[in-house]
Every structure is written in structure tokens, then in C-alpha cells.
Amino acid sequence: MFQSSGNLEVLAILFQRYMDLLYGVCLKYMPDSESAKDAVMQVFEELVQKLPKHEVENFKSWLYALAKNYCLMQLRTPKNLKTTEFNPDSVQSAEEMHLQGVNLKEENLQKMERCLDTLSREQRDTVKLFYLQNKCYKEIADITGLDWNKVRSYIQNGRRNLRICMEKVEEESSLLKIKT
């Protein structure tokens, strides 16, 4: 009805039915309740703009996805990145950091290289292109000949599998250190 009439009151009534659901979704992603409340109101503004442009069959599901995507985009924006000044004199020197002969960065890189080899070829190739060569999904699709959605899927699954593998390797190395 809103799509044909453009009546905001109709949309507001419909939106109000789902405000609790949206607040719960936003609370799941946002750092605090105030941010979640703000996000719900911003979702309404996005709804006013996007609803006329979309053919929506299941409003509740579509609204849920809109709220989730809004929150994720807010978390990804640079304004949410915080920088802190520090005194370089208070930072440990390289010698102090490697007192026990363990170079943590090198150790993590070795774990990552080992775990990259456990991924499927498609996951490994797309993850390397995306993270190590800073290629976008479209560029990766052009390079590999894969569909854009497949590229996205391989990167997401590859990243998850890489994280799981690295956590497992870390757990195993911790157990070895305890035994020795």
C-alpha cells in the first residue's frame, strides 16, 4: 500500500509492528543499546528510500535483512575505527618481545601458510587474491572465470576455514607446550 500511495503513516504503522524485532537484530550487531536504537531509526529512513525501489514479497524477512545489512555496514565504516596515540618509549623493543626466541608474527604467518594449503583450490586462490593482492570480487571473478557469487562464497568459506584451522593449530601447539 505504501509503494502505491507513498503514505508514510501507513509505512510507520507497518514498521512499528517490527520495531522489537529490528531492535533485537541491531542489538546483536551494535556495541550498545543506544547505538542499536539509533540504528533502528536509521533503518526506517533507509526503508523509506529503498522500499519503493524493490518488489518485496516477504516484508518481515526483507526488513530483517535490511536491518542486518545496515548494522554490518555501520560496523565496517571508518568512523568506527578508533585510533589511539601512544608513546613509542613505552612500547617494548624487539629484543624484549622475543625474549624466548619466539617471533609471533612469523609464527602466525607459518600457521597461515600451513592452513592455506588445507583449503580447496578455489578457496585458497580467491582468499589469496582478495587478502594478499587486494583484488575486489569483480576482479577475482574476471581472473578466475568464476561467478561473482561463487567468488564471494569461496572467500567467506575460505576465511572461516582458515580461522578454524589456525585456531586448531594454535590449540595443538599450546597442548604441546604444556606437555613439554
Protein backbone atom coordinates (compact mmCIF):
# COMPACT_ATOMS: atom_id res chain seq x y z
CA MET A 1 0.00 0.00 0.00
CA PHE A 2 2.89 2.39 0.79
CA GLN A 3 4.52 1.64 -2.54
CA SER A 4 1.47 2.82 -4.46
CA SER A 5 0.47 5.75 -2.22
CA GLY A 6 3.77 6.89 -0.71
CA ASN A 7 1.91 7.49 2.57
CA LEU A 8 4.48 7.49 5.38
CA GLU A 9 1.82 6.94 8.04
CA VAL A 10 0.98 3.56 6.54
CA LEU A 11 4.66 2.64 6.47
CA ALA A 12 5.15 3.85 10.04
CA ILE A 13 2.32 1.63 11.28
CA LEU A 14 3.81 -1.38 9.50
CA PHE A 15 7.30 -0.53 10.71
CA GLN A 16 6.09 -0.21 14.29
CA ARG A 17 4.93 -3.85 14.23
CA TYR A 18 8.52 -4.95 13.67
CA MET A 19 10.40 -2.46 15.84
CA ASP A 20 11.09 -5.02 18.59
CA LEU A 21 12.44 -7.48 16.04
CA LEU A 22 14.64 -4.77 14.50
CA TYR A 23 15.89 -3.62 17.88
CA GLY A 24 16.91 -7.21 18.66
CA VAL A 25 18.72 -7.52 15.33
CA CYS A 26 20.51 -4.21 15.81
CA LEU A 27 21.37 -5.03 19.41
CA LYS A 28 23.02 -8.22 18.18
CA TYR A 29 25.42 -6.25 15.96
CA MET A 30 25.81 -2.85 17.59
CA PRO A 31 28.10 -2.28 20.58
CA ASP A 32 25.44 -0.86 22.93
CA SER A 33 21.70 -0.31 23.29
CA GLU A 34 21.83 3.37 22.30
CA SER A 35 23.60 2.53 19.04
CA ALA A 36 21.00 -0.17 18.42
CA LYS A 37 18.15 2.30 18.97
CA ASP A 38 19.79 4.77 16.58
CA ALA A 39 20.24 2.01 14.04
CA VAL A 40 16.53 1.11 14.19
CA MET A 41 15.63 4.70 13.33
CA GLN A 42 18.19 4.78 10.54
CA VAL A 43 16.73 1.56 9.15
CA PHE A 44 13.36 3.31 8.95
CA GLU A 45 14.96 6.09 6.88
CA GLU A 46 16.56 3.51 4.61
CA LEU A 47 13.23 1.73 4.37
CA VAL A 48 11.54 4.90 3.12
CA GLN A 49 14.17 5.19 0.38
CA LYS A 50 14.56 1.55 -0.61
CA LEU A 51 11.05 0.10 -0.36
CA PRO A 52 9.68 1.93 -3.43
CA LYS A 53 12.56 0.52 -5.50
CA HIS A 54 12.08 -3.13 -4.51
CA GLU A 55 9.47 -5.76 -5.14
CA VAL A 56 9.05 -7.21 -1.64
CA GLU A 57 7.20 -10.49 -1.22
CA ASN A 58 8.00 -11.16 2.45
CA PHE A 59 8.26 -7.82 4.25
CA LYS A 60 9.43 -9.24 7.58
CA SER A 61 12.35 -11.13 6.03
CA TRP A 62 13.28 -8.24 3.78
CA LEU A 63 13.20 -5.80 6.70
CA TYR A 64 15.32 -8.15 8.81
CA ALA A 65 17.93 -8.34 6.03
CA LEU A 66 17.84 -4.56 5.59
CA ALA A 67 18.49 -4.05 9.32
CA LYS A 68 21.25 -6.64 9.42
CA ASN A 69 22.99 -5.16 6.38
CA TYR A 70 22.67 -1.64 7.78
CA CYS A 71 24.31 -2.68 11.05
CA LEU A 72 27.11 -4.56 9.29
CA MET A 73 27.82 -1.55 7.09
CA GLN A 74 27.97 0.69 10.16
CA LEU A 75 30.50 -1.63 11.74
CA ARG A 76 32.62 -1.56 8.58
CA THR A 77 32.74 2.21 8.16
CA PRO A 78 35.99 4.01 9.01
CA LYS A 79 34.25 6.25 11.57
CA ASN A 80 34.03 3.21 13.82
CA LEU A 81 37.77 2.70 13.71
CA LYS A 82 39.41 4.21 16.73
CA THR A 83 42.97 5.42 16.82
CA THR A 84 44.96 5.88 19.96
CA GLU A 85 48.12 7.86 20.41
CA PHE A 86 50.93 6.10 22.17
CA ASN A 87 54.33 6.92 23.45
CA PRO A 88 56.94 4.97 21.45
CA ASP A 89 59.14 4.82 24.55
CA SER A 90 56.50 2.73 26.30
CA VAL A 91 56.48 0.08 23.56
CA GLN A 92 58.62 -2.99 24.06
CA SER A 93 61.72 -3.24 21.95
CA ALA A 94 62.14 -6.11 19.52
CA GLU A 95 64.63 -7.78 21.86
CA GLU A 96 62.19 -7.76 24.76
CA MET A 97 59.36 -9.05 22.62
CA HIS A 98 61.39 -12.09 21.51
CA LEU A 99 62.90 -12.98 24.85
CA GLN A 100 62.00 -16.62 24.46
CA GLY A 101 63.10 -16.74 20.83
CA VAL A 102 59.53 -16.75 19.51
CA ASN A 103 58.71 -14.39 16.72
CA LEU A 104 54.91 -14.28 16.99
CA LYS A 105 54.30 -12.63 13.64
CA GLU A 106 56.46 -15.16 11.82
CA GLU A 107 54.80 -17.97 13.77
CA ASN A 108 51.33 -16.76 12.74
CA LEU A 109 52.43 -16.45 9.10
CA GLN A 110 53.71 -20.02 9.17
CA LYS A 111 50.40 -21.22 10.64
CA MET A 112 48.50 -19.30 7.98
CA GLU A 113 50.62 -20.75 5.16
CA ARG A 114 50.09 -24.25 6.54
CA CYS A 115 46.36 -23.69 6.83
CA LEU A 116 46.08 -22.14 3.36
CA ASP A 117 47.25 -25.48 2.00
CA THR A 118 44.29 -27.20 3.68
CA LEU A 119 41.74 -25.09 1.76
CA SER A 120 40.22 -26.17 -1.53
CA ARG A 121 41.97 -24.75 -4.57
CA GLU A 122 39.14 -22.27 -5.24
CA GLN A 123 39.06 -21.05 -1.64
CA ARG A 124 42.85 -20.75 -1.48
CA ASP A 125 43.09 -18.86 -4.79
CA THR A 126 40.25 -16.43 -4.03
CA VAL A 127 41.44 -15.76 -0.47
CA LYS A 128 44.97 -15.04 -1.69
CA LEU A 129 43.71 -12.72 -4.45
CA PHE A 130 41.38 -10.87 -2.06
CA TYR A 131 43.58 -10.53 1.02
CA LEU A 132 47.12 -10.71 -0.28
CA GLN A 133 46.71 -8.98 -3.64
CA ASN A 134 43.83 -6.64 -2.62
CA LYS A 135 41.62 -7.62 -5.56
CA CYS A 136 37.89 -6.90 -5.45
CA TYR A 137 35.25 -9.58 -6.08
CA LYS A 138 34.75 -8.47 -9.69
CA GLU A 139 38.48 -8.57 -10.43
CA ILE A 140 38.73 -12.03 -8.89
CA ALA A 141 35.74 -13.19 -10.93
CA ASP A 142 37.43 -11.89 -14.10
CA ILE A 143 40.78 -13.50 -13.22
CA THR A 144 39.38 -16.89 -12.20
CA GLY A 145 36.38 -17.05 -14.53
CA LEU A 146 34.14 -17.79 -11.54
CA ASP A 147 30.72 -16.25 -10.97
CA TRP A 148 30.76 -13.20 -8.62
CA ASN A 149 28.57 -15.02 -6.06
CA LYS A 150 30.88 -18.04 -6.15
CA VAL A 151 33.86 -15.76 -5.51
CA ARG A 152 32.12 -14.23 -2.51
CA SER A 153 31.20 -17.67 -1.20
CA TYR A 154 34.71 -19.08 -1.64
CA ILE A 155 36.23 -16.08 0.16
CA GLN A 156 33.79 -16.24 3.06
CA ASN A 157 34.11 -20.00 3.45
CA GLY A 158 37.87 -19.87 2.94
CA ARG A 159 38.27 -17.18 5.60
CA ARG A 160 36.15 -19.20 8.04
CA ASN A 161 38.05 -22.44 7.31
CA LEU A 162 41.37 -20.61 7.61
CA ARG A 163 40.38 -19.20 11.01
CA ILE A 164 39.20 -22.61 12.23
CA CYS A 165 42.42 -24.27 11.06
CA MET A 166 44.61 -21.60 12.67
CA GLU A 167 42.71 -21.92 15.96
CA LYS A 168 43.18 -25.68 15.81
CA VAL A 169 46.91 -25.34 15.12
CA GLU A 170 47.20 -22.83 17.97
CA GLU A 171 45.37 -25.23 20.29
CA GLU A 172 47.64 -28.10 19.26
CA SER A 173 50.80 -26.04 19.78
CA SER A 174 49.52 -24.95 23.21
CA LEU A 175 48.96 -28.59 24.16
CA LEU A 176 52.49 -29.47 23.01
CA LYS A 177 53.94 -26.66 25.11
CA ILE A 178 52.05 -27.91 28.16
CA LYS A 179 53.32 -31.48 27.67
CA THR A 180 56.95 -30.38 27.39
